[in-house]
Amino acid sequence: WVEDRFQYVQSLCPKSTPMNVHPDT
């Protein structure tokens, strides 16, 4: 579990667009 999934995904997949980690789970 992470408290900030946006930061977590950005760290592992830097080219992700906001849509890839959209708040819509």
PDB file of all heavy atoms in Angstrom:
ATOM      1  N   TRP A   1       0.850  -1.191   0.000  1.00  0.00           N
ATOM      2  CA  TRP A   1       0.000   0.000   0.000  1.00  0.00           C
ATOM      3  C   TRP A   1       0.886   1.241   0.000  1.00  0.00           C
ATOM      4  O   TRP A   1       1.937   1.249   0.658  1.00  0.00           O
ATOM      5  CB  TRP A   1      -0.875   0.064   1.253  1.00  0.00           C
ATOM      6  CG  TRP A   1      -1.984  -0.923   1.322  1.00  0.00           C
ATOM      7  CD1 TRP A   1      -3.239  -0.798   0.806  1.00  0.00           C
ATOM      8  CD2 TRP A   1      -1.958  -2.196   1.997  1.00  0.00           C
ATOM      9  NE1 TRP A   1      -4.003  -1.906   1.099  1.00  0.00           N
ATOM     10  CE2 TRP A   1      -3.238  -2.781   1.841  1.00  0.00           C
ATOM     11  CE3 TRP A   1      -0.994  -2.887   2.717  1.00  0.00           C
ATOM     12  CZ2 TRP A   1      -3.559  -4.019   2.373  1.00  0.00           C
ATOM     13  CZ3 TRP A   1      -1.311  -4.124   3.251  1.00  0.00           C
ATOM     14  CH2 TRP A   1      -2.574  -4.687   3.077  1.00  0.00           C
ATOM     15  N   VAL A   2       0.468   2.277  -0.703  1.00  0.00           N
ATOM     16  CA  VAL A   2       1.182   3.555  -0.691  1.00  0.00           C
ATOM     17  C   VAL A   2       0.183   4.668  -0.421  1.00  0.00           C
ATOM     18  O   VAL A   2      -0.994   4.569  -0.802  1.00  0.00           O
ATOM     19  CB  VAL A   2       1.918   3.814  -2.023  1.00  0.00           C
ATOM     20  CG1 VAL A   2       3.072   2.845  -2.195  1.00  0.00           C
ATOM     21  CG2 VAL A   2       0.961   3.729  -3.209  1.00  0.00           C
ATOM     22  N   GLU A   3       0.634   5.726   0.243  1.00  0.00           N
ATOM     23  CA  GLU A   3      -0.287   6.821   0.538  1.00  0.00           C
ATOM     24  C   GLU A   3      -0.477   7.734  -0.668  1.00  0.00           C
ATOM     25  O   GLU A   3      -1.455   8.478  -0.729  1.00  0.00           O
ATOM     26  CB  GLU A   3       0.204   7.628   1.732  1.00  0.00           C
ATOM     27  CG  GLU A   3       1.492   8.400   1.521  1.00  0.00           C
ATOM     28  CD  GLU A   3       1.830   9.286   2.708  1.00  0.00           C
ATOM     29  OE1 GLU A   3       0.931   9.548   3.542  1.00  0.00           O
ATOM     30  OE2 GLU A   3       2.994   9.720   2.810  1.00  0.00           O
ATOM     31  N   ASP A   4       0.441   7.662  -1.638  1.00  0.00           N
ATOM     32  CA  ASP A   4       0.337   8.511  -2.828  1.00  0.00           C
ATOM     33  C   ASP A   4       0.591   7.653  -4.069  1.00  0.00           C
ATOM     34  O   ASP A   4       1.719   7.466  -4.494  1.00  0.00           O
ATOM     35  CB  ASP A   4       1.355   9.652  -2.752  1.00  0.00           C
ATOM     36  CG  ASP A   4       1.172  10.672  -3.875  1.00  0.00           C
ATOM     37  OD1 ASP A   4       0.538  10.333  -4.905  1.00  0.00           O
ATOM     38  OD2 ASP A   4       1.677  11.799  -3.741  1.00  0.00           O
ATOM     39  N   ARG A   5      -0.475   7.137  -4.649  1.00  0.00           N
ATOM     40  CA  ARG A   5      -0.320   6.238  -5.795  1.00  0.00           C
ATOM     41  C   ARG A   5       0.147   6.985  -7.037  1.00  0.00           C
ATOM     42  O   ARG A   5       0.763   6.403  -7.929  1.00  0.00           O
ATOM     43  CB  ARG A   5      -1.610   5.486  -6.086  1.00  0.00           C
ATOM     44  CG  ARG A   5      -2.790   6.313  -6.559  1.00  0.00           C
ATOM     45  CD  ARG A   5      -3.972   5.392  -6.876  1.00  0.00           C
ATOM     46  NE  ARG A   5      -5.135   6.100  -7.372  1.00  0.00           N
ATOM     47  CZ  ARG A   5      -6.115   6.563  -6.620  1.00  0.00           C
ATOM     48  NH1 ARG A   5      -6.053   6.421  -5.307  1.00  0.00           N
ATOM     49  NH2 ARG A   5      -7.142   7.184  -7.151  1.00  0.00           N
ATOM     50  N   PHE A   6      -0.134   8.269  -7.115  1.00  0.00           N
ATOM     51  CA  PHE A   6       0.292   9.049  -8.278  1.00  0.00           C
ATOM     52  C   PHE A   6       1.810   9.177  -8.294  1.00  0.00           C
ATOM     53  O   PHE A   6       2.466   8.951  -9.311  1.00  0.00           O
ATOM     54  CB  PHE A   6      -0.382  10.422  -8.249  1.00  0.00           C
ATOM     55  CG  PHE A   6      -1.873  10.349  -8.183  1.00  0.00           C
ATOM     56  CD1 PHE A   6      -2.537  10.556  -6.987  1.00  0.00           C
ATOM     57  CD2 PHE A   6      -2.617  10.038  -9.308  1.00  0.00           C
ATOM     58  CE1 PHE A   6      -3.916  10.458  -6.916  1.00  0.00           C
ATOM     59  CE2 PHE A   6      -3.993   9.955  -9.257  1.00  0.00           C
ATOM     60  CZ  PHE A   6      -4.649  10.163  -8.048  1.00  0.00           C
ATOM     61  N   GLN A   7       2.377   9.520  -7.149  1.00  0.00           N
ATOM     62  CA  GLN A   7       3.827   9.623  -7.042  1.00  0.00           C
ATOM     63  C   GLN A   7       4.476   8.260  -7.269  1.00  0.00           C
ATOM     64  O   GLN A   7       5.504   8.152  -7.948  1.00  0.00           O
ATOM     65  CB  GLN A   7       4.207  10.154  -5.658  1.00  0.00           C
ATOM     66  CG  GLN A   7       5.707  10.335  -5.447  1.00  0.00           C
ATOM     67  CD  GLN A   7       6.025  10.697  -4.008  1.00  0.00           C
ATOM     68  OE1 GLN A   7       5.796   9.917  -3.096  1.00  0.00           O
ATOM     69  NE2 GLN A   7       6.556  11.900  -3.813  1.00  0.00           N
ATOM     70  N   TYR A   8       3.868   7.218  -6.723  1.00  0.00           N
ATOM     71  CA  TYR A   8       4.409   5.867  -6.854  1.00  0.00           C
ATOM     72  C   TYR A   8       4.486   5.450  -8.324  1.00  0.00           C
ATOM     73  O   TYR A   8       5.515   4.966  -8.800  1.00  0.00           O
ATOM     74  CB  TYR A   8       3.543   4.887  -6.073  1.00  0.00           C
ATOM     75  CG  TYR A   8       3.985   3.443  -6.159  1.00  0.00           C
ATOM     76  CD1 TYR A   8       4.987   2.945  -5.329  1.00  0.00           C
ATOM     77  CD2 TYR A   8       3.400   2.571  -7.072  1.00  0.00           C
ATOM     78  CE1 TYR A   8       5.389   1.625  -5.411  1.00  0.00           C
ATOM     79  CE2 TYR A   8       3.795   1.256  -7.164  1.00  0.00           C
ATOM     80  CZ  TYR A   8       4.793   0.782  -6.331  1.00  0.00           C
ATOM     81  OH  TYR A   8       5.192  -0.527  -6.432  1.00  0.00           O
ATOM     82  N   VAL A   9       3.399   5.638  -9.048  1.00  0.00           N
ATOM     83  CA  VAL A   9       3.374   5.239 -10.458  1.00  0.00           C
ATOM     84  C   VAL A   9       4.321   6.102 -11.286  1.00  0.00           C
ATOM     85  O   VAL A   9       5.025   5.598 -12.172  1.00  0.00           O
ATOM     86  CB  VAL A   9       1.933   5.307 -11.011  1.00  0.00           C
ATOM     87  CG1 VAL A   9       1.923   5.113 -12.520  1.00  0.00           C
ATOM     88  CG2 VAL A   9       1.066   4.248 -10.342  1.00  0.00           C
ATOM     89  N   GLN A  10       4.385   7.390 -11.006  1.00  0.00           N
ATOM     90  CA  GLN A  10       5.301   8.261 -11.734  1.00  0.00           C
ATOM     91  C   GLN A  10       6.747   7.815 -11.555  1.00  0.00           C
ATOM     92  O   GLN A  10       7.561   7.909 -12.471  1.00  0.00           O
ATOM     93  CB  GLN A  10       5.146   9.708 -11.239  1.00  0.00           C
ATOM     94  CG  GLN A  10       3.923  10.421 -11.776  1.00  0.00           C
ATOM     95  CD  GLN A  10       4.048  10.759 -13.258  1.00  0.00           C
ATOM     96  OE1 GLN A  10       5.091  11.220 -13.707  1.00  0.00           O
ATOM     97  NE2 GLN A  10       2.991  10.526 -14.015  1.00  0.00           N
ATOM     98  N   SER A  11       7.076   7.313 -10.378  1.00  0.00           N
ATOM     99  CA  SER A  11       8.451   6.890 -10.109  1.00  0.00           C
ATOM    100  C   SER A  11       8.842   5.660 -10.908  1.00  0.00           C
ATOM    101  O   SER A  11      10.011   5.473 -11.259  1.00  0.00           O
ATOM    102  CB  SER A  11       8.630   6.613  -8.616  1.00  0.00           C
ATOM    103  OG  SER A  11       7.937   5.440  -8.222  1.00  0.00           O
ATOM    104  N   LEU A  12       7.871   4.816 -11.203  1.00  0.00           N
ATOM    105  CA  LEU A  12       8.161   3.561 -11.903  1.00  0.00           C
ATOM    106  C   LEU A  12       7.830   3.636 -13.391  1.00  0.00           C
ATOM    107  O   LEU A  12       8.277   2.805 -14.171  1.00  0.00           O
ATOM    108  CB  LEU A  12       7.369   2.412 -11.262  1.00  0.00           C
ATOM    109  CG  LEU A  12       7.712   2.132  -9.791  1.00  0.00           C
ATOM    110  CD1 LEU A  12       6.750   1.095  -9.220  1.00  0.00           C
ATOM    111  CD2 LEU A  12       9.146   1.632  -9.653  1.00  0.00           C
ATOM    112  N   CYS A  13       7.035   4.612 -13.770  1.00  0.00           N
ATOM    113  CA  CYS A  13       6.619   4.741 -15.163  1.00  0.00           C
ATOM    114  C   CYS A  13       6.559   6.227 -15.501  1.00  0.00           C
ATOM    115  O   CYS A  13       5.475   6.808 -15.643  1.00  0.00           O
ATOM    116  CB  CYS A  13       5.254   4.079 -15.357  1.00  0.00           C
ATOM    117  SG  CYS A  13       4.844   3.669 -17.053  1.00  0.00           S
ATOM    118  N   PRO A  14       7.709   6.894 -15.605  1.00  0.00           N
ATOM    119  CA  PRO A  14       7.774   8.359 -15.733  1.00  0.00           C
ATOM    120  C   PRO A  14       6.986   8.945 -16.888  1.00  0.00           C
ATOM    121  O   PRO A  14       6.598  10.108 -16.843  1.00  0.00           O
ATOM    122  CB  PRO A  14       9.272   8.629 -15.903  1.00  0.00           C
ATOM    123  CG  PRO A  14       9.941   7.444 -15.311  1.00  0.00           C
ATOM    124  CD  PRO A  14       9.038   6.285 -15.600  1.00  0.00           C
ATOM    125  N   LYS A  15       6.770   8.181 -17.947  1.00  0.00           N
ATOM    126  CA  LYS A  15       6.087   8.728 -19.120  1.00  0.00           C
ATOM    127  C   LYS A  15       4.573   8.610 -19.015  1.00  0.00           C
ATOM    128  O   LYS A  15       3.856   8.921 -19.962  1.00  0.00           O
ATOM    129  CB  LYS A  15       6.580   8.023 -20.387  1.00  0.00           C
ATOM    130  CG  LYS A  15       8.053   8.301 -20.699  1.00  0.00           C
ATOM    131  CD  LYS A  15       8.484   7.662 -21.999  1.00  0.00           C
ATOM    132  CE  LYS A  15       9.961   7.956 -22.304  1.00  0.00           C
ATOM    133  NZ  LYS A  15      10.393   7.329 -23.565  1.00  0.00           N
ATOM    134  N   SER A  16       4.092   8.169 -17.869  1.00  0.00           N
ATOM    135  CA  SER A  16       2.644   8.049 -17.692  1.00  0.00           C
ATOM    136  C   SER A  16       1.969   9.406 -17.830  1.00  0.00           C
ATOM    137  O   SER A  16       2.487  10.415 -17.360  1.00  0.00           O
ATOM    138  CB  SER A  16       2.336   7.488 -16.297  1.00  0.00           C
ATOM    139  OG  SER A  16       2.833   6.182 -16.174  1.00  0.00           O
ATOM    140  N   THR A  17       0.843   9.405 -18.468  1.00  0.00           N
ATOM    141  CA  THR A  17       0.054  10.628 -18.562  1.00  0.00           C
ATOM    142  C   THR A  17      -0.911  10.666 -17.383  1.00  0.00           C
ATOM    143  O   THR A  17      -1.168   9.640 -16.749  1.00  0.00           O
ATOM    144  CB  THR A  17      -0.757  10.634 -19.870  1.00  0.00           C
ATOM    145  OG1 THR A  17      -1.727   9.579 -19.802  1.00  0.00           O
ATOM    146  CG2 THR A  17       0.147  10.425 -21.070  1.00  0.00           C
ATOM    147  N   PRO A  18      -1.469  11.816 -17.085  1.00  0.00           N
ATOM    148  CA  PRO A  18      -2.435  11.880 -15.985  1.00  0.00           C
ATOM    149  C   PRO A  18      -3.585  10.898 -16.134  1.00  0.00           C
ATOM    150  O   PRO A  18      -4.114  10.406 -15.150  1.00  0.00           O
ATOM    151  CB  PRO A  18      -2.927  13.340 -16.053  1.00  0.00           C
ATOM    152  CG  PRO A  18      -1.770  14.100 -16.633  1.00  0.00           C
ATOM    153  CD  PRO A  18      -1.158  13.141 -17.638  1.00  0.00           C
ATOM    154  N   MET A  19      -3.955  10.585 -17.366  1.00  0.00           N
ATOM    155  CA  MET A  19      -5.053   9.637 -17.559  1.00  0.00           C
ATOM    156  C   MET A  19      -4.707   8.249 -17.061  1.00  0.00           C
ATOM    157  O   MET A  19      -5.572   7.498 -16.624  1.00  0.00           O
ATOM    158  CB  MET A  19      -5.429   9.573 -19.047  1.00  0.00           C
ATOM    159  CG  MET A  19      -6.259  10.749 -19.533  1.00  0.00           C
ATOM    160  SD  MET A  19      -7.847  10.864 -18.688  1.00  0.00           S
ATOM    161  CE  MET A  19      -8.642   9.378 -19.316  1.00  0.00           C
ATOM    162  N   ASN A  20      -3.419   7.880 -17.111  1.00  0.00           N
ATOM    163  CA  ASN A  20      -3.019   6.545 -16.687  1.00  0.00           C
ATOM    164  C   ASN A  20      -3.174   6.347 -15.182  1.00  0.00           C
ATOM    165  O   ASN A  20      -3.258   5.223 -14.703  1.00  0.00           O
ATOM    166  CB  ASN A  20      -1.563   6.268 -17.076  1.00  0.00           C
ATOM    167  CG  ASN A  20      -1.365   6.189 -18.575  1.00  0.00           C
ATOM    168  OD1 ASN A  20      -0.524   6.868 -19.135  1.00  0.00           O
ATOM    169  ND2 ASN A  20      -2.160   5.353 -19.234  1.00  0.00           N
ATOM    170  N   VAL A  21      -3.149   7.423 -14.442  1.00  0.00           N
ATOM    171  CA  VAL A  21      -3.317   7.338 -12.994  1.00  0.00           C
ATOM    172  C   VAL A  21      -4.471   8.243 -12.565  1.00  0.00           C
ATOM    173  O   VAL A  21      -4.413   8.946 -11.580  1.00  0.00           O
ATOM    174  CB  VAL A  21      -2.015   7.716 -12.245  1.00  0.00           C
ATOM    175  CG1 VAL A  21      -1.012   6.621 -12.373  1.00  0.00           C
ATOM    176  CG2 VAL A  21      -1.431   9.031 -12.767  1.00  0.00           C
ATOM    177  N   HIS A  22      -5.504   8.219 -13.363  1.00  0.00           N
ATOM    178  CA  HIS A  22      -6.665   9.064 -13.136  1.00  0.00           C
ATOM    179  C   HIS A  22      -7.308   8.727 -11.787  1.00  0.00           C
ATOM    180  O   HIS A  22      -7.311   7.567 -11.376  1.00  0.00           O
ATOM    181  CB  HIS A  22      -7.685   8.837 -14.260  1.00  0.00           C
ATOM    182  CG  HIS A  22      -8.763   9.871 -14.294  1.00  0.00           C
ATOM    183  ND1 HIS A  22      -9.905   9.765 -13.542  1.00  0.00           N
ATOM    184  CD2 HIS A  22      -8.865  11.043 -14.978  1.00  0.00           C
ATOM    185  CE1 HIS A  22     -10.676  10.827 -13.770  1.00  0.00           C
ATOM    186  NE2 HIS A  22     -10.065  11.612 -14.640  1.00  0.00           N
ATOM    187  N   PRO A  23      -7.845   9.718 -11.076  1.00  0.00           N
ATOM    188  CA  PRO A  23      -8.507   9.442  -9.793  1.00  0.00           C
ATOM    189  C   PRO A  23      -9.613   8.406  -9.896  1.00  0.00           C
ATOM    190  O   PRO A  23      -9.960   7.769  -8.905  1.00  0.00           O
ATOM    191  CB  PRO A  23      -9.060  10.816  -9.395  1.00  0.00           C
ATOM    192  CG  PRO A  23      -8.143  11.800 -10.047  1.00  0.00           C
ATOM    193  CD  PRO A  23      -7.764  11.162 -11.360  1.00  0.00           C
ATOM    194  N   ASP A  24     -10.175   8.236 -11.069  1.00  0.00           N
ATOM    195  CA  ASP A  24     -11.163   7.186 -11.275  1.00  0.00           C
ATOM    196  C   ASP A  24     -10.446   5.846 -11.176  1.00  0.00           C
ATOM    197  O   ASP A  24      -9.787   5.397 -12.101  1.00  0.00           O
ATOM    198  CB  ASP A  24     -11.807   7.337 -12.661  1.00  0.00           C
ATOM    199  CG  ASP A  24     -12.862   6.270 -12.929  1.00  0.00           C
ATOM    200  OD1 ASP A  24     -13.022   5.373 -12.082  1.00  0.00           O
ATOM    201  OD2 ASP A  24     -13.503   6.345 -13.982  1.00  0.00           O
ATOM    202  N   THR A  25     -10.568   5.167 -10.035  1.00  0.00           N
ATOM    203  CA  THR A  25      -9.788   3.955  -9.787  1.00  0.00           C
ATOM    204  C   THR A  25     -10.111   2.825 -10.754  1.00  0.00           C
ATOM    205  O   THR A  25      -9.344   1.882 -10.893  1.00  0.00           O
ATOM    206  CB  THR A  25     -10.025   3.452  -8.351  1.00  0.00           C
ATOM    207  OG1 THR A  25     -11.432   3.253  -8.139  1.00  0.00           O
ATOM    208  CG2 THR A  25      -9.504   4.445  -7.341  1.00  0.00           C
TER     209      THR A  25
END
